[in-house]
Amino acid sequence: MMPVIKPISDLRSYNTVLNDVEFGTPVFLTKNGRGRYVLMDIDEYEKNQASLALLSALAEGEISAKVQGCLSIDEAERRLGLK
């Protein structure tokens, strides 16, 4: 689907702009011909935020593994009280 790009001046009739916002189809608003804002469905925003949090946690884990090393499966299970 093609992106929806509108000048910020279209917010004067914001209902028209909001009608174009759907999951997977954000509306990009321009100011002076340059991209400035994005309007998106709240469910999509929350999904994106959760994905960013997960990616951040994975990156922290990767750094930790490089610095501190990794545990064997047996050691991890022992520390978690599974053995």
N, C-alpha and C. Protein backbone atom coordinates (compact mmCIF):
# COMPACT_ATOMS: atom_id res chain seq x y z
N MET A 1 0.84 -1.17 0.00
CA MET A 1 0.00 0.00 0.00
C MET A 1 0.89 1.24 0.00
N MET A 2 0.50 2.24 -0.71
CA MET A 2 1.25 3.49 -0.79
C MET A 2 1.11 4.27 0.51
N PRO A 3 2.19 4.95 0.93
CA PRO A 3 2.08 5.76 2.15
C PRO A 3 1.13 6.93 1.94
N VAL A 4 0.47 7.33 3.02
CA VAL A 4 -0.42 8.48 2.98
C VAL A 4 0.40 9.67 3.49
N ILE A 5 0.61 10.65 2.63
CA ILE A 5 1.40 11.83 2.97
C ILE A 5 0.52 13.05 2.75
N LYS A 6 0.43 13.87 3.81
CA LYS A 6 -0.41 15.06 3.73
C LYS A 6 0.31 16.24 4.36
N PRO A 7 0.03 17.44 3.90
CA PRO A 7 0.60 18.62 4.56
C PRO A 7 -0.08 18.81 5.92
N ILE A 8 0.67 19.34 6.87
CA ILE A 8 0.13 19.53 8.22
C ILE A 8 -1.08 20.46 8.21
N SER A 9 -1.18 21.31 7.21
CA SER A 9 -2.34 22.21 7.11
C SER A 9 -3.65 21.44 6.97
N ASP A 10 -3.58 20.18 6.52
CA ASP A 10 -4.79 19.36 6.40
C ASP A 10 -5.40 19.06 7.77
N LEU A 11 -4.66 19.29 8.85
CA LEU A 11 -5.21 19.05 10.18
C LEU A 11 -6.34 20.01 10.53
N ARG A 12 -6.50 21.05 9.73
CA ARG A 12 -7.64 21.95 9.95
C ARG A 12 -8.95 21.16 9.86
N SER A 13 -8.94 20.16 9.00
CA SER A 13 -10.09 19.23 8.92
C SER A 13 -9.58 17.86 9.37
N TYR A 14 -9.24 17.78 10.67
CA TYR A 14 -8.56 16.59 11.19
C TYR A 14 -9.35 15.30 11.05
N ASN A 15 -10.66 15.36 10.99
CA ASN A 15 -11.44 14.12 10.80
C ASN A 15 -11.09 13.45 9.49
N THR A 16 -10.87 14.23 8.46
CA THR A 16 -10.48 13.67 7.16
C THR A 16 -9.14 12.97 7.28
N VAL A 17 -8.19 13.60 7.96
CA VAL A 17 -6.86 13.01 8.14
C VAL A 17 -6.98 11.73 8.96
N LEU A 18 -7.72 11.77 10.07
CA LEU A 18 -7.85 10.60 10.94
C LEU A 18 -8.52 9.43 10.24
N ASN A 19 -9.40 9.70 9.30
CA ASN A 19 -10.06 8.62 8.56
C ASN A 19 -9.08 7.82 7.72
N ASP A 20 -7.94 8.42 7.39
CA ASP A 20 -6.93 7.74 6.58
C ASP A 20 -6.01 6.85 7.42
N VAL A 21 -6.04 7.00 8.75
CA VAL A 21 -5.16 6.22 9.63
C VAL A 21 -5.78 4.85 9.86
N GLU A 22 -5.01 3.81 9.53
CA GLU A 22 -5.43 2.42 9.77
C GLU A 22 -4.22 1.65 10.25
N PHE A 23 -4.47 0.46 10.83
CA PHE A 23 -3.36 -0.39 11.24
C PHE A 23 -2.54 -0.71 10.00
N GLY A 24 -1.26 -0.43 10.05
CA GLY A 24 -0.39 -0.69 8.91
C GLY A 24 -0.35 0.44 7.89
N THR A 25 -1.16 1.48 8.11
CA THR A 25 -1.18 2.61 7.19
C THR A 25 -1.14 3.92 7.98
N PRO A 26 0.06 4.30 8.45
CA PRO A 26 0.15 5.58 9.15
C PRO A 26 0.01 6.73 8.16
N VAL A 27 -0.29 7.90 8.70
CA VAL A 27 -0.36 9.11 7.89
C VAL A 27 0.86 9.96 8.24
N PHE A 28 1.64 10.31 7.22
CA PHE A 28 2.82 11.13 7.40
C PHE A 28 2.43 12.58 7.12
N LEU A 29 2.73 13.46 8.07
CA LEU A 29 2.42 14.87 7.91
C LEU A 29 3.69 15.64 7.61
N THR A 30 3.60 16.53 6.64
CA THR A 30 4.75 17.34 6.26
C THR A 30 4.56 18.78 6.71
N LYS A 31 5.68 19.42 6.97
CA LYS A 31 5.68 20.85 7.29
C LYS A 31 6.75 21.48 6.42
N ASN A 32 6.36 22.47 5.64
CA ASN A 32 7.27 23.11 4.69
C ASN A 32 7.88 22.09 3.73
N GLY A 33 7.08 21.11 3.34
CA GLY A 33 7.50 20.12 2.36
C GLY A 33 8.39 19.01 2.89
N ARG A 34 8.63 18.98 4.18
CA ARG A 34 9.49 17.95 4.77
C ARG A 34 8.71 17.14 5.79
N GLY A 35 9.03 15.84 5.88
CA GLY A 35 8.37 14.98 6.86
C GLY A 35 8.58 15.50 8.27
N ARG A 36 7.51 15.53 9.07
CA ARG A 36 7.60 16.09 10.42
C ARG A 36 6.92 15.22 11.47
N TYR A 37 5.76 14.67 11.17
CA TYR A 37 4.98 13.91 12.15
C TYR A 37 4.40 12.65 11.50
N VAL A 38 4.04 11.70 12.37
CA VAL A 38 3.37 10.48 11.92
C VAL A 38 2.17 10.24 12.82
N LEU A 39 1.03 9.99 12.22
CA LEU A 39 -0.16 9.56 12.96
C LEU A 39 -0.36 8.08 12.68
N MET A 40 -0.54 7.30 13.76
CA MET A 40 -0.70 5.86 13.55
C MET A 40 -1.74 5.31 14.52
N ASP A 41 -2.27 4.16 14.16
CA ASP A 41 -3.23 3.44 14.98
C ASP A 41 -2.58 3.10 16.32
N ILE A 42 -3.29 3.27 17.43
CA ILE A 42 -2.73 3.04 18.75
C ILE A 42 -2.27 1.58 18.94
N ASP A 43 -3.00 0.63 18.39
CA ASP A 43 -2.59 -0.78 18.50
C ASP A 43 -1.26 -1.02 17.79
N GLU A 44 -1.07 -0.39 16.64
CA GLU A 44 0.18 -0.51 15.91
C GLU A 44 1.32 0.15 16.70
N TYR A 45 1.04 1.31 17.31
CA TYR A 45 2.04 1.99 18.12
C TYR A 45 2.48 1.11 19.28
N GLU A 46 1.51 0.52 19.98
CA GLU A 46 1.83 -0.35 21.12
C GLU A 46 2.63 -1.58 20.68
N LYS A 47 2.28 -2.14 19.54
CA LYS A 47 3.02 -3.29 19.01
C LYS A 47 4.46 -2.88 18.69
N ASN A 48 4.63 -1.71 18.08
CA ASN A 48 5.98 -1.21 17.77
C ASN A 48 6.79 -0.98 19.03
N GLN A 49 6.16 -0.41 20.08
CA GLN A 49 6.85 -0.16 21.34
C GLN A 49 7.28 -1.47 21.99
N ALA A 50 6.42 -2.48 21.95
CA ALA A 50 6.76 -3.79 22.51
C ALA A 50 7.91 -4.42 21.74
N SER A 51 7.90 -4.28 20.42
CA SER A 51 8.99 -4.82 19.60
C SER A 51 10.31 -4.13 19.93
N LEU A 52 10.27 -2.81 20.10
CA LEU A 52 11.49 -2.06 20.46
C LEU A 52 12.02 -2.49 21.82
N ALA A 53 11.11 -2.70 22.79
CA ALA A 53 11.53 -3.13 24.12
C ALA A 53 12.18 -4.51 24.05
N LEU A 54 11.60 -5.40 23.27
CA LEU A 54 12.16 -6.75 23.12
C LEU A 54 13.53 -6.69 22.45
N LEU A 55 13.67 -5.93 21.38
CA LEU A 55 14.95 -5.80 20.70
C LEU A 55 16.01 -5.20 21.62
N SER A 56 15.62 -4.24 22.43
CA SER A 56 16.55 -3.64 23.38
C SER A 56 17.02 -4.66 24.41
N ALA A 57 16.09 -5.46 24.94
CA ALA A 57 16.44 -6.50 25.92
C ALA A 57 17.35 -7.55 25.29
N LEU A 58 17.08 -7.92 24.06
CA LEU A 58 17.93 -8.89 23.36
C LEU A 58 19.33 -8.34 23.14
N ALA A 59 19.44 -7.06 22.80
CA ALA A 59 20.75 -6.44 22.61
C ALA A 59 21.52 -6.40 23.93
N GLU A 60 20.83 -6.08 25.03
CA GLU A 60 21.48 -6.09 26.34
C GLU A 60 21.97 -7.49 26.69
N GLY A 61 21.17 -8.50 26.39
CA GLY A 61 21.56 -9.89 26.64
C GLY A 61 22.77 -10.29 25.82
N GLU A 62 22.81 -9.86 24.58
CA GLU A 62 23.95 -10.18 23.72
C GLU A 62 25.23 -9.55 24.26
N ILE A 63 25.14 -8.29 24.69
CA ILE A 63 26.30 -7.62 25.27
C ILE A 63 26.75 -8.33 26.55
N SER A 64 25.78 -8.67 27.38
CA SER A 64 26.08 -9.38 28.63
C SER A 64 26.78 -10.71 28.34
N ALA A 65 26.30 -11.43 27.36
CA ALA A 65 26.89 -12.73 27.01
C ALA A 65 28.33 -12.55 26.53
N LYS A 66 28.59 -11.48 25.78
CA LYS A 66 29.95 -11.23 25.29
C LYS A 66 30.89 -10.86 26.44
N VAL A 67 30.39 -10.08 27.40
CA VAL A 67 31.21 -9.60 28.51
C VAL A 67 31.37 -10.68 29.58
N GLN A 68 30.26 -11.29 29.97
CA GLN A 68 30.27 -12.22 31.10
C GLN A 68 30.32 -13.68 30.69
N GLY A 69 30.13 -13.95 29.42
CA GLY A 69 30.10 -15.33 28.96
C GLY A 69 28.70 -15.92 29.10
N CYS A 70 28.55 -17.11 28.58
CA CYS A 70 27.24 -17.78 28.58
C CYS A 70 27.25 -18.91 29.60
N LEU A 71 26.06 -19.31 30.01
CA LEU A 71 25.90 -20.45 30.90
C LEU A 71 25.54 -21.68 30.08
N SER A 72 25.98 -22.82 30.57
CA SER A 72 25.54 -24.07 29.95
C SER A 72 24.08 -24.28 30.35
N ILE A 73 23.42 -25.18 29.65
CA ILE A 73 22.02 -25.50 29.97
C ILE A 73 21.94 -26.04 31.40
N ASP A 74 22.86 -26.91 31.76
CA ASP A 74 22.85 -27.48 33.11
C ASP A 74 23.01 -26.40 34.18
N GLU A 75 23.93 -25.44 33.95
CA GLU A 75 24.16 -24.37 34.93
C GLU A 75 22.94 -23.46 35.01
N ALA A 76 22.34 -23.12 33.89
CA ALA A 76 21.14 -22.29 33.89
C ALA A 76 20.00 -22.97 34.64
N GLU A 77 19.77 -24.25 34.39
CA GLU A 77 18.72 -24.98 35.09
C GLU A 77 19.00 -25.05 36.59
N ARG A 78 20.28 -25.23 36.97
CA ARG A 78 20.64 -25.28 38.38
C ARG A 78 20.35 -23.95 39.04
N ARG A 79 20.73 -22.84 38.40
CA ARG A 79 20.49 -21.51 38.98
C ARG A 79 19.01 -21.19 39.08
N LEU A 80 18.23 -21.72 38.16
CA LEU A 80 16.78 -21.49 38.19
C LEU A 80 16.05 -22.46 39.11
N GLY A 81 16.80 -23.37 39.71
CA GLY A 81 16.20 -24.35 40.63
C GLY A 81 15.43 -25.44 39.93
N LEU A 82 15.77 -25.69 38.69
CA LEU A 82 15.06 -26.73 37.93
C LEU A 82 15.74 -28.07 38.08
N LYS A 83 16.91 -28.10 38.65
CA LYS A 83 17.64 -29.37 38.86
C LYS A 83 18.03 -29.49 40.30
